[in-house]
Amino acid sequence: MLSIEQLHFPLSNNSSLSIQQLSLEKGESLLVLGDNASGKSVLAQILAGEITNYQGSVSLTEKFTTLSFELEAQTLAQDRLNDRSDYMAEGVDNGRTALEIIIDDNVFVQKDLDEIITLLAIEKLLEKPFKILSTGETRKVLMARALMLKPQVMLLDEPYAGLDIGSQAHLTSVLNSLIAQDISIILFDFYHQSLPSSIENLVYMQQGKIVLSGNRAQVIATKQWQQLNENHYSLPHHLPDCLQYDSLEKNEALVSVHNVSVSFDQKPVFSALNWQFEQGQHWRIIGPNGCGKSTLLAMISGDSPKAYGKDIHLFGVKRGSGESIWDIKRHYGLVSAQLHRDYRVSTTLIKVVLSGFYDSIGLYDSPSRQQVIIARQWLVLLGLEQHENTYFNQLSYGEQRLVLIARAVVKLPMILILDEPCQGLDNHNRDKVLALMDYIAANSKTHLLFVSHDLRDQLECITHELEFVIQNDDDTREVGGETLLGYVAKTRQK
């Protein structure tokens, strides 16, 4: 089914993907594990036929489909390309619905579609515009589209990214079920407990080479595996200098939200949200995919028109009182899946980090000498200094995420929004970033807003939690004869 012989392909970090031999029989599945920049995703792209200028022999004889960050970006880019908002009376082109993405203009059997929708439990997503879905929801929709093509092999690059805890367990169950039906799963990821138990073959990659391979249980029991997965990071003795920001009155809240409700196309997301984010606090925001976490963060950071007309005060000023978006953004640093999707300009890594001083996508101002020094110090802290002049789009997805984290923290903002910041990071970089965030909270005036579905993502600095939970039946309402359930928020001190 799969045969690789003498594969060679240069990587961007002065190393090469080099695999002498790798094979799988029909019906077999495989875990391809490794750290950021190990070559996993490049191998996935070669198997998918997206990279063809390699040396050696690669043969995948069975019909396959893919799921990856790149596929998600391509799908969203198509909607951007076809956006006709400027020509529509209502001024907004929502693009294709989730159902249209799943069908993708292909001829299909309704029974097959119904079975896949039920299998992935995505009935409530079908009529939503794909572009407004959360990261986890887009994953589910693209998984459905992949299954509609009835593959014998599925190439899945980090399929768990962005999924809430319940959805992670559900995906594992789905993958185990597909494997039981003799569908081969080749899964590219970092090692974690959610990986399907029925995948017994494992290869571990490092710097473009396979350094461990064999039976999963046997490989994980080896001393070399333990050494490869040890933590190795150090924290700074002090943080780089930062810009000075206007101070607030001692008792003034950073963010105040009063009785705010949000809906899309009359369908409620969350309702009657009351929330105070006080100075000295660090919040974790939790809830299932689609509950409105990212929407709330976009509303308070100037990135969502849903904030207009709402009772929201930011840094003591009512939203909509004449302040510009840039007046708001200068107080924030942000890393999120949406920002990662939108950062498509062709520029070097150092310029991406420097753009954090200006809250821009791309660098259009001349940075000061001190700003360049600070940016370089953050690159050293995150182990990226050797890539300073590398172009952003030449880095692996995980390395790009590290760069965007550096961009978010470069000015040590008043509020640092971390919306799934560790998505795409290997276990080593995950631990390093989380430790650094705790260090920032303890040693600066920066306040954290943290969103993550991953149980490995724990911050000791968190003082409060805001959790979105599904409404009780008493709180539901009907639109057009359809009963609509939204979310309400509960807050608690840790």
Protein backbone atom coordinates (compact mmCIF):
# COMPACT_ATOMS: atom_id res chain seq x y z
CA MET A 1 0.00 0.00 0.00
CA LEU A 2 2.73 2.47 1.03
CA SER A 3 6.33 2.19 -0.08
CA ILE A 4 9.08 4.77 0.43
CA GLU A 5 12.63 4.20 -0.84
CA GLN A 6 15.61 6.58 -0.62
CA LEU A 7 13.42 9.65 -0.06
CA HIS A 8 15.31 12.95 0.13
CA PHE A 9 13.91 16.50 0.33
CA PRO A 10 15.59 19.67 1.72
CA LEU A 11 13.90 21.33 4.71
CA SER A 12 13.98 25.02 5.55
CA ASN A 13 16.12 24.68 8.68
CA ASN A 14 19.34 23.57 6.96
CA SER A 15 18.43 19.90 7.33
CA SER A 16 16.81 17.41 4.97
CA LEU A 17 13.99 14.91 5.08
CA SER A 18 15.81 11.63 4.50
CA ILE A 19 14.04 8.27 4.75
CA GLN A 20 15.82 5.19 3.47
CA GLN A 21 12.87 2.81 3.65
CA LEU A 22 9.34 2.80 5.04
CA SER A 23 6.42 0.57 4.09
CA LEU A 24 2.89 -0.33 5.17
CA GLU A 25 0.68 -3.19 4.06
CA LYS A 26 -2.96 -2.68 3.07
CA GLY A 27 -5.11 -2.21 6.17
CA GLU A 28 -2.19 -1.23 8.43
CA SER A 29 -2.12 2.14 10.22
CA LEU A 30 0.80 4.26 11.42
CA LEU A 31 1.65 6.99 13.92
CA VAL A 32 4.28 9.44 12.65
CA LEU A 33 5.50 11.37 15.70
CA GLY A 34 8.15 14.01 16.29
CA ASP A 35 8.86 17.56 17.41
CA ASN A 36 8.31 20.79 15.49
CA ALA A 37 10.46 20.96 12.34
CA SER A 38 11.15 17.22 12.47
CA GLY A 39 9.76 16.78 8.94
CA LYS A 40 6.40 15.16 9.79
CA SER A 41 4.21 17.62 7.92
CA VAL A 42 6.55 17.69 4.93
CA LEU A 43 6.29 13.90 4.75
CA ALA A 44 2.48 14.21 4.94
CA GLN A 45 2.54 16.70 2.04
CA ILE A 46 4.72 14.39 -0.03
CA LEU A 47 2.37 11.45 0.56
CA ALA A 48 -0.58 13.67 -0.38
CA GLY A 49 1.10 14.69 -3.64
CA GLU A 50 1.36 18.34 -2.60
CA ILE A 51 5.16 18.22 -2.83
CA THR A 52 6.53 16.47 -5.90
CA ASN A 53 10.11 17.74 -6.40
CA TYR A 54 11.70 15.19 -4.07
CA GLN A 55 14.33 12.58 -4.79
CA GLY A 56 13.63 8.88 -4.37
CA SER A 57 10.56 6.70 -4.70
CA VAL A 58 7.19 7.23 -2.95
CA SER A 59 4.18 5.07 -3.76
CA LEU A 60 0.74 5.19 -2.11
CA THR A 61 -1.45 2.85 -4.12
CA GLU A 62 -4.80 3.17 -2.30
CA LYS A 63 -7.30 6.02 -2.58
CA PHE A 64 -6.54 8.61 0.12
CA THR A 65 -7.87 11.85 1.62
CA THR A 66 -6.17 14.42 3.83
CA LEU A 67 -6.82 16.62 6.85
CA SER A 68 -4.30 19.33 7.77
CA PHE A 69 -3.81 22.96 8.75
CA GLU A 70 -2.89 23.64 5.13
CA LEU A 71 -6.21 22.21 3.89
CA GLU A 72 -8.10 24.39 6.37
CA ALA A 73 -6.20 27.47 5.18
CA GLN A 74 -6.84 26.61 1.51
CA THR A 75 -10.56 26.15 2.15
CA LEU A 76 -10.85 29.50 3.93
CA ALA A 77 -8.75 31.18 1.23
CA GLN A 78 -11.23 30.02 -1.41
CA ASP A 79 -14.08 31.74 0.46
CA ARG A 80 -11.99 34.91 0.76
CA LEU A 81 -11.28 34.81 -2.98
CA ASN A 82 -14.99 34.46 -3.77
CA ASP A 83 -16.15 37.00 -1.17
CA ARG A 84 -18.74 39.36 -2.73
CA SER A 85 -19.56 41.45 0.34
CA ASP A 86 -18.96 44.70 -1.56
CA TYR A 87 -21.73 43.79 -4.03
CA MET A 88 -24.36 42.57 -1.55
CA ALA A 89 -27.11 44.75 -0.13
CA GLU A 90 -26.59 43.46 3.41
CA GLY A 91 -22.85 43.99 3.09
CA VAL A 92 -21.77 40.55 4.30
CA ASP A 93 -20.98 37.45 2.26
CA ASN A 94 -20.91 34.58 4.72
CA GLY A 95 -19.43 32.21 2.16
CA ARG A 96 -20.16 28.51 1.98
CA THR A 97 -21.97 26.66 4.73
CA ALA A 98 -20.43 23.70 6.49
CA LEU A 99 -22.73 21.41 4.48
CA GLU A 100 -21.54 22.90 1.20
CA ILE A 101 -17.93 22.34 2.29
CA ILE A 102 -18.68 18.70 3.12
CA ILE A 103 -20.41 18.01 -0.20
CA ASP A 104 -17.87 20.10 -2.14
CA ASP A 105 -19.91 19.95 -5.37
CA ASN A 106 -19.41 16.17 -5.57
CA VAL A 107 -22.12 13.69 -6.47
CA PHE A 108 -23.12 11.89 -3.28
CA VAL A 109 -25.57 9.42 -1.81
CA GLN A 110 -27.78 10.97 0.87
CA LYS A 111 -27.53 7.86 3.03
CA ASP A 112 -23.72 8.16 3.08
CA LEU A 113 -23.94 11.83 4.04
CA ASP A 114 -26.41 11.12 6.84
CA GLU A 115 -24.21 8.36 8.24
CA ILE A 116 -21.12 10.57 8.31
CA ILE A 117 -22.99 13.47 9.90
CA THR A 118 -24.25 11.13 12.61
CA LEU A 119 -20.84 9.50 13.06
CA LEU A 120 -19.16 12.86 13.67
CA ALA A 121 -22.12 14.41 15.55
CA ILE A 122 -22.09 17.61 13.47
CA GLU A 123 -25.81 18.08 12.79
CA LYS A 124 -25.82 21.53 14.42
CA LEU A 125 -22.97 22.81 12.27
CA LEU A 126 -24.40 22.11 8.80
CA GLU A 127 -26.07 25.47 8.12
CA LYS A 128 -23.39 27.61 9.76
CA PRO A 129 -20.97 29.54 7.51
CA PHE A 130 -17.67 27.67 7.48
CA LYS A 131 -15.68 30.87 8.01
CA ILE A 132 -17.26 31.56 11.42
CA LEU A 133 -16.69 28.08 12.83
CA SER A 134 -14.25 27.54 15.66
CA THR A 135 -10.99 25.70 14.98
CA GLY A 136 -12.40 22.50 16.44
CA GLU A 137 -15.59 22.78 14.40
CA THR A 138 -13.66 23.30 11.15
CA ARG A 139 -11.72 20.12 11.93
CA LYS A 140 -14.94 18.13 12.25
CA VAL A 141 -16.35 19.51 9.00
CA LEU A 142 -13.18 18.78 7.04
CA MET A 143 -13.11 15.28 8.52
CA ALA A 144 -16.64 14.78 7.21
CA ARG A 145 -15.59 15.98 3.75
CA ALA A 146 -12.67 13.56 3.78
CA LEU A 147 -14.94 10.63 4.68
CA MET A 148 -17.43 11.54 1.94
CA LEU A 149 -14.76 10.61 -0.60
CA LYS A 150 -14.74 7.01 0.74
CA PRO A 151 -10.97 6.67 1.12
CA GLN A 152 -9.00 3.53 1.86
CA VAL A 153 -6.30 5.68 3.52
CA MET A 154 -6.59 8.90 5.56
CA LEU A 155 -3.59 11.20 6.02
CA LEU A 156 -4.34 13.15 9.21
CA ASP A 157 -1.95 15.94 10.27
CA GLU A 158 -2.70 16.92 13.90
CA PRO A 159 -6.41 16.09 13.71
CA TYR A 160 -6.95 16.75 17.45
CA ALA A 161 -5.88 20.39 17.25
CA GLY A 162 -8.58 22.73 18.57
CA LEU A 163 -11.01 19.99 19.63
CA ASP A 164 -12.62 20.23 23.06
CA ILE A 165 -12.12 17.34 25.48
CA GLY A 166 -15.32 15.54 24.57
CA SER A 167 -14.60 15.90 20.85
CA GLN A 168 -11.07 14.54 21.30
CA ALA A 169 -12.45 11.37 22.89
CA HIS A 170 -15.10 11.14 20.17
CA LEU A 171 -12.51 11.48 17.40
CA THR A 172 -10.43 8.70 18.95
CA SER A 173 -13.50 6.47 18.97
CA VAL A 174 -14.24 7.36 15.33
CA LEU A 175 -10.67 6.59 14.24
CA ASN A 176 -10.66 3.27 16.07
CA SER A 177 -13.95 2.45 14.34
CA LEU A 178 -12.56 3.35 10.89
CA ILE A 179 -9.48 1.21 11.49
CA ALA A 180 -11.77 -1.69 12.43
CA GLN A 181 -13.35 -1.23 8.96
CA ASP A 182 -9.90 -1.69 7.33
CA ILE A 183 -9.43 2.00 6.57
CA SER A 184 -5.76 2.82 7.09
CA ILE A 185 -4.98 5.87 9.22
CA ILE A 186 -1.59 7.56 8.89
CA LEU A 187 -1.60 10.09 11.71
CA PHE A 188 1.05 12.82 12.03
CA ASP A 189 1.19 14.35 15.50
CA PHE A 190 3.03 14.78 18.80
CA TYR A 191 2.69 12.04 21.37
CA HIS A 192 -0.35 12.35 23.66
CA GLN A 193 -2.75 10.03 25.40
CA SER A 194 -5.68 10.58 23.00
CA LEU A 195 -3.97 8.86 20.07
CA PRO A 196 -6.03 5.83 18.92
CA SER A 197 -5.04 2.67 20.77
CA SER A 198 -5.62 0.53 17.67
CA ILE A 199 -2.66 2.10 15.82
CA GLU A 200 0.22 -0.17 16.76
CA ASN A 201 2.92 0.94 14.29
CA LEU A 202 4.99 3.99 15.24
CA VAL A 203 7.87 5.96 13.77
CA TYR A 204 9.56 8.86 15.57
CA MET A 205 11.22 11.57 13.48
CA GLN A 206 13.97 13.99 14.41
CA GLN A 207 15.59 16.51 12.06
CA GLY A 208 14.10 14.82 9.01
CA LYS A 209 15.13 11.27 9.87
CA ILE A 210 13.38 8.29 11.45
CA VAL A 211 15.26 7.63 14.69
CA LEU A 212 12.83 5.12 16.23
CA SER A 213 10.38 2.71 14.62
CA GLY A 214 8.45 -0.44 15.39
CA ASN A 215 5.67 -1.65 17.63
CA ARG A 216 4.17 1.25 19.56
CA ALA A 217 4.31 -0.30 23.02
CA GLN A 218 7.85 -1.52 22.52
CA VAL A 219 9.13 1.82 21.19
CA ILE A 220 7.59 3.81 24.05
CA ALA A 221 9.24 1.47 26.58
CA THR A 222 12.76 2.15 25.27
CA LYS A 223 15.29 4.36 27.03
CA GLN A 224 15.86 6.32 23.81
CA TRP A 225 12.14 7.25 23.71
CA GLN A 226 12.33 8.51 27.29
CA GLN A 227 15.43 10.59 26.48
CA LEU A 228 13.85 12.09 23.37
CA ASN A 229 10.77 13.14 25.34
CA GLU A 230 12.50 14.69 28.36
CA ASN A 231 11.78 18.36 29.10
CA HIS A 232 14.63 20.71 28.32
CA TYR A 233 14.01 24.45 28.65
CA SER A 234 15.24 27.30 30.82
CA LEU A 235 13.51 30.48 31.92
CA PRO A 236 15.06 33.96 31.62
CA HIS A 237 16.70 35.73 34.56
CA HIS A 238 14.68 38.79 33.61
CA LEU A 239 12.23 39.79 30.91
CA PRO A 240 13.19 42.12 28.06
CA ASP A 241 12.36 45.77 28.63
CA CYS A 242 8.92 46.77 27.43
CA LEU A 243 7.08 49.88 26.37
CA GLN A 244 5.24 51.96 28.94
CA TYR A 245 1.45 52.10 28.88
CA ASP A 246 -1.01 54.48 30.44
CA SER A 247 -1.80 53.30 33.96
CA LEU A 248 -5.37 52.77 35.10
CA GLU A 249 -6.96 54.01 38.27
CA LYS A 250 -6.24 51.49 41.03
CA ASN A 251 -9.79 50.12 41.21
CA GLU A 252 -10.66 50.38 37.52
CA ALA A 253 -11.53 47.09 35.80
CA LEU A 254 -9.57 46.10 32.72
CA VAL A 255 -12.74 44.77 31.07
CA SER A 256 -16.35 45.07 32.14
CA VAL A 257 -19.11 43.23 30.27
CA HIS A 258 -22.74 43.73 31.30
CA ASN A 259 -25.69 41.64 30.07
CA VAL A 260 -24.15 40.95 26.66
CA SER A 261 -25.71 38.43 24.26
CA VAL A 262 -24.38 37.31 20.87
CA SER A 263 -26.03 35.47 18.01
CA PHE A 264 -25.31 34.66 14.35
CA ASP A 265 -28.24 34.62 11.91
CA GLN A 266 -30.66 34.75 14.88
CA LYS A 267 -29.09 31.64 16.38
CA PRO A 268 -27.80 32.35 19.90
CA VAL A 269 -24.17 31.76 20.82
CA PHE A 270 -24.19 33.00 24.40
CA SER A 271 -26.58 35.20 26.36
CA ALA A 272 -26.71 37.58 29.33
CA LEU A 273 -22.95 37.53 29.94
CA ASN A 274 -21.83 39.55 32.96
CA TRP A 275 -18.08 39.57 33.58
CA GLN A 276 -15.54 41.73 35.37
CA PHE A 277 -11.84 41.34 34.57
CA GLU A 278 -10.03 43.16 37.36
CA GLN A 279 -6.43 44.24 37.69
CA GLY A 280 -4.22 41.54 39.18
CA GLN A 281 -6.37 38.70 37.79
CA HIS A 282 -5.50 35.99 35.25
CA TRP A 283 -8.46 34.16 33.66
CA ARG A 284 -8.91 30.82 31.95
CA ILE A 285 -11.94 30.70 29.61
CA ILE A 286 -13.34 27.24 29.00
CA GLY A 287 -16.26 25.62 27.20
CA PRO A 288 -17.00 23.32 24.24
CA ASN A 289 -16.30 24.11 20.58
CA GLY A 290 -18.67 26.80 19.29
CA CYS A 291 -19.70 28.23 22.67
CA GLY A 292 -18.35 31.71 21.91
CA LYS A 293 -14.96 31.85 23.63
CA SER A 294 -13.10 33.26 20.63
CA THR A 295 -16.05 35.53 19.81
CA LEU A 296 -15.86 37.10 23.27
CA LEU A 297 -12.11 37.63 22.95
CA ALA A 298 -12.56 39.23 19.52
CA MET A 299 -15.23 41.56 20.91
CA ILE A 300 -13.03 42.93 23.69
CA SER A 301 -9.88 43.20 21.55
CA GLY A 302 -11.42 45.22 18.71
CA ASP A 303 -11.66 42.38 16.18
CA SER A 304 -15.44 41.81 16.08
CA PRO A 305 -18.28 44.14 15.05
CA LYS A 306 -20.47 42.15 17.47
CA ALA A 307 -19.18 44.51 20.18
CA TYR A 308 -20.99 47.54 18.72
CA GLY A 309 -23.93 48.70 20.79
CA LYS A 310 -23.09 46.36 23.65
CA ASP A 311 -22.45 47.42 27.26
CA ILE A 312 -18.71 46.79 27.27
CA HIS A 313 -16.13 48.95 29.04
CA LEU A 314 -12.44 48.56 28.19
CA PHE A 315 -9.83 50.14 30.46
CA GLY A 316 -12.43 52.47 31.94
CA VAL A 317 -13.87 53.63 28.60
CA LYS A 318 -17.23 52.51 27.18
CA ARG A 319 -16.81 50.70 23.87
CA GLY A 320 -17.96 52.94 21.05
CA SER A 321 -17.19 56.25 22.78
CA GLY A 322 -15.04 57.52 19.93
CA GLU A 323 -11.96 55.38 20.48
CA SER A 324 -10.32 53.80 17.45
CA ILE A 325 -9.57 50.11 17.05
CA TRP A 326 -5.88 50.97 17.43
CA ASP A 327 -6.59 52.71 20.75
CA ILE A 328 -7.92 49.35 21.92
CA LYS A 329 -5.34 47.10 20.33
CA ARG A 330 -2.32 48.87 21.82
CA HIS A 331 -3.24 47.39 25.20
CA TYR A 332 -3.32 43.83 23.89
CA GLY A 333 -1.05 41.08 22.67
CA LEU A 334 -2.78 38.23 20.84
CA VAL A 335 -2.10 34.76 19.57
CA SER A 336 -4.93 32.69 18.09
CA ALA A 337 -5.78 30.32 15.27
CA GLN A 338 -7.57 33.16 13.47
CA LEU A 339 -4.49 35.39 13.60
CA HIS A 340 -2.39 32.47 12.36
CA ARG A 341 -4.76 32.01 9.40
CA ASP A 342 -4.69 35.73 8.60
CA TYR A 343 -0.92 36.22 8.82
CA ARG A 344 -0.30 35.59 5.13
CA VAL A 345 2.10 38.40 4.23
CA SER A 346 5.51 37.42 2.87
CA THR A 347 7.97 38.71 5.45
CA THR A 348 10.85 37.60 7.65
CA LEU A 349 10.53 36.18 11.13
CA ILE A 350 12.09 39.24 12.84
CA LYS A 351 9.61 41.53 11.08
CA VAL A 352 6.69 39.37 12.21
CA VAL A 353 7.82 39.78 15.83
CA LEU A 354 8.38 43.53 15.39
CA SER A 355 4.86 43.90 13.97
CA GLY A 356 3.62 43.12 17.48
CA PHE A 357 4.67 46.62 18.55
CA TYR A 358 2.27 48.04 15.96
CA ASP A 359 -0.55 45.44 16.13
CA SER A 360 -0.28 44.97 12.39
CA ILE A 361 -0.08 41.99 10.05
CA GLY A 362 3.20 42.79 8.36
CA LEU A 363 5.62 45.58 9.30
CA TYR A 364 4.90 48.97 7.74
CA ASP A 365 6.72 51.25 10.20
CA SER A 366 10.42 51.68 10.90
CA PRO A 367 11.13 50.08 14.28
CA SER A 368 13.45 51.75 16.74
CA ARG A 369 16.82 50.29 17.63
CA GLN A 370 15.47 49.41 21.08
CA GLN A 371 12.49 47.58 19.57
CA VAL A 372 14.80 45.47 17.41
CA ILE A 373 16.90 44.59 20.47
CA ILE A 374 13.78 43.56 22.41
CA ALA A 375 12.45 41.47 19.51
CA ARG A 376 15.77 39.63 19.22
CA GLN A 377 15.79 38.91 22.96
CA TRP A 378 12.39 37.22 22.65
CA LEU A 379 13.63 35.17 19.70
CA VAL A 380 16.48 33.90 21.87
CA LEU A 381 14.07 33.04 24.70
CA LEU A 382 11.97 30.94 22.32
CA GLY A 383 14.95 29.35 20.56
CA LEU A 384 14.29 31.02 17.20
CA GLU A 385 17.30 33.30 16.83
CA GLN A 386 18.83 31.20 14.04
CA HIS A 387 15.72 31.83 11.90
CA GLU A 388 15.70 35.63 12.24
CA ASN A 389 15.86 36.28 8.50
CA THR A 390 13.90 33.18 7.42
CA TYR A 391 10.59 33.93 5.75
CA PHE A 392 7.58 33.18 7.95
CA ASN A 393 5.88 30.97 5.36
CA GLN A 394 8.98 28.77 5.11
CA LEU A 395 8.71 27.67 8.75
CA SER A 396 6.74 24.66 9.97
CA TYR A 397 3.30 25.35 11.44
CA GLY A 398 4.62 24.88 14.98
CA GLU A 399 7.57 27.21 14.40
CA GLN A 400 5.16 29.81 12.98
CA ARG A 401 3.08 29.53 16.15
CA LEU A 402 6.19 30.20 18.28
CA VAL A 403 6.90 33.31 16.19
CA LEU A 404 3.33 34.56 16.73
CA ILE A 405 3.73 33.99 20.48
CA ALA A 406 6.88 36.15 20.38
CA ARG A 407 4.86 38.78 18.46
CA ALA A 408 2.15 38.71 21.13
CA VAL A 409 4.50 39.15 24.11
CA VAL A 410 7.10 41.47 22.55
CA LYS A 411 5.59 44.61 24.15
CA LEU A 412 4.49 42.88 27.39
CA PRO A 413 0.95 44.20 26.88
CA MET A 414 -1.56 45.05 29.56
CA ILE A 415 -3.63 42.03 28.44
CA LEU A 416 -2.17 38.98 26.74
CA ILE A 417 -4.82 36.92 24.92
CA LEU A 418 -3.73 33.31 24.50
CA ASP A 419 -6.41 31.56 22.44
CA GLU A 420 -5.19 27.97 22.05
CA PRO A 421 -1.58 29.24 21.99
CA CYS A 422 -0.03 25.77 22.06
CA GLN A 423 -1.86 24.51 18.97
CA GLY A 424 0.79 23.04 16.68
CA LEU A 425 3.53 23.02 19.33
CA ASP A 426 5.43 19.86 20.19
CA ASN A 427 5.56 18.72 23.81
CA HIS A 428 8.90 20.41 24.50
CA ASN A 429 7.83 23.79 23.13
CA ARG A 430 4.44 23.45 24.82
CA ASP A 431 6.06 23.06 28.23
CA LYS A 432 8.47 25.93 27.52
CA VAL A 433 5.71 28.32 26.43
CA LEU A 434 3.47 27.51 29.40
CA ALA A 435 6.36 28.01 31.85
CA LEU A 436 7.20 31.31 30.15
CA MET A 437 3.59 32.52 30.43
CA ASP A 438 3.61 31.78 34.17
CA TYR A 439 6.90 33.66 34.43
CA ILE A 440 5.46 36.66 32.57
CA ALA A 441 2.41 36.72 34.86
CA ALA A 442 4.63 36.67 37.96
CA ASN A 443 7.25 39.16 36.76
CA SER A 444 5.42 41.82 34.76
CA LYS A 445 2.23 43.87 34.76
CA THR A 446 0.73 41.72 31.99
CA HIS A 447 -2.65 40.06 32.65
CA LEU A 448 -3.51 36.75 30.95
CA LEU A 449 -6.68 35.57 29.21
CA PHE A 450 -6.10 31.91 28.43
CA VAL A 451 -8.16 29.49 26.32
CA SER A 452 -7.23 25.84 25.84
CA HIS A 453 -9.01 22.50 25.47
CA ASP A 454 -5.88 20.50 26.15
CA LEU A 455 -5.56 19.09 29.66
CA ARG A 456 -1.78 19.38 29.35
CA ASP A 457 -2.10 23.16 29.12
CA GLN A 458 -2.08 24.21 32.77
CA LEU A 459 -0.96 27.60 34.09
CA GLU A 460 -0.22 28.07 37.77
CA CYS A 461 -0.92 31.81 37.55
CA ILE A 462 -4.65 31.41 36.76
CA THR A 463 -6.78 33.06 39.46
CA HIS A 464 -10.28 32.83 37.92
CA GLU A 465 -12.27 30.79 35.40
CA LEU A 466 -15.12 31.74 33.09
CA GLU A 467 -16.96 28.67 31.81
CA PHE A 468 -19.57 28.58 29.05
CA VAL A 469 -22.24 25.93 29.66
CA ILE A 470 -25.32 24.98 27.64
CA GLN A 471 -28.53 26.71 28.71
CA ASN A 472 -31.24 24.93 30.64
CA ASP A 473 -34.44 24.09 28.76
CA ASP A 474 -36.11 26.98 30.56
CA ASP A 475 -33.76 29.39 28.81
CA THR A 476 -34.35 28.19 25.25
CA ARG A 477 -36.27 30.09 22.62
CA GLU A 478 -37.72 29.34 19.21
CA VAL A 479 -37.01 30.95 15.86
CA GLY A 480 -38.98 29.77 12.86
CA GLY A 481 -40.25 26.76 14.79
CA GLU A 482 -36.72 25.62 15.71
CA THR A 483 -35.72 25.32 19.36
CA LEU A 484 -32.39 27.10 19.83
CA LEU A 485 -29.93 26.39 22.62
CA GLY A 486 -27.21 28.89 23.41
CA TYR A 487 -24.64 29.12 26.20
CA VAL A 488 -24.49 30.99 29.48
CA ALA A 489 -21.34 31.82 31.44
CA LYS A 490 -20.38 30.92 34.98
CA THR A 491 -17.46 32.54 36.76
CA ARG A 492 -15.46 31.27 39.72
CA GLN A 493 -12.29 32.00 41.60
CA LYS A 494 -9.61 29.31 41.50
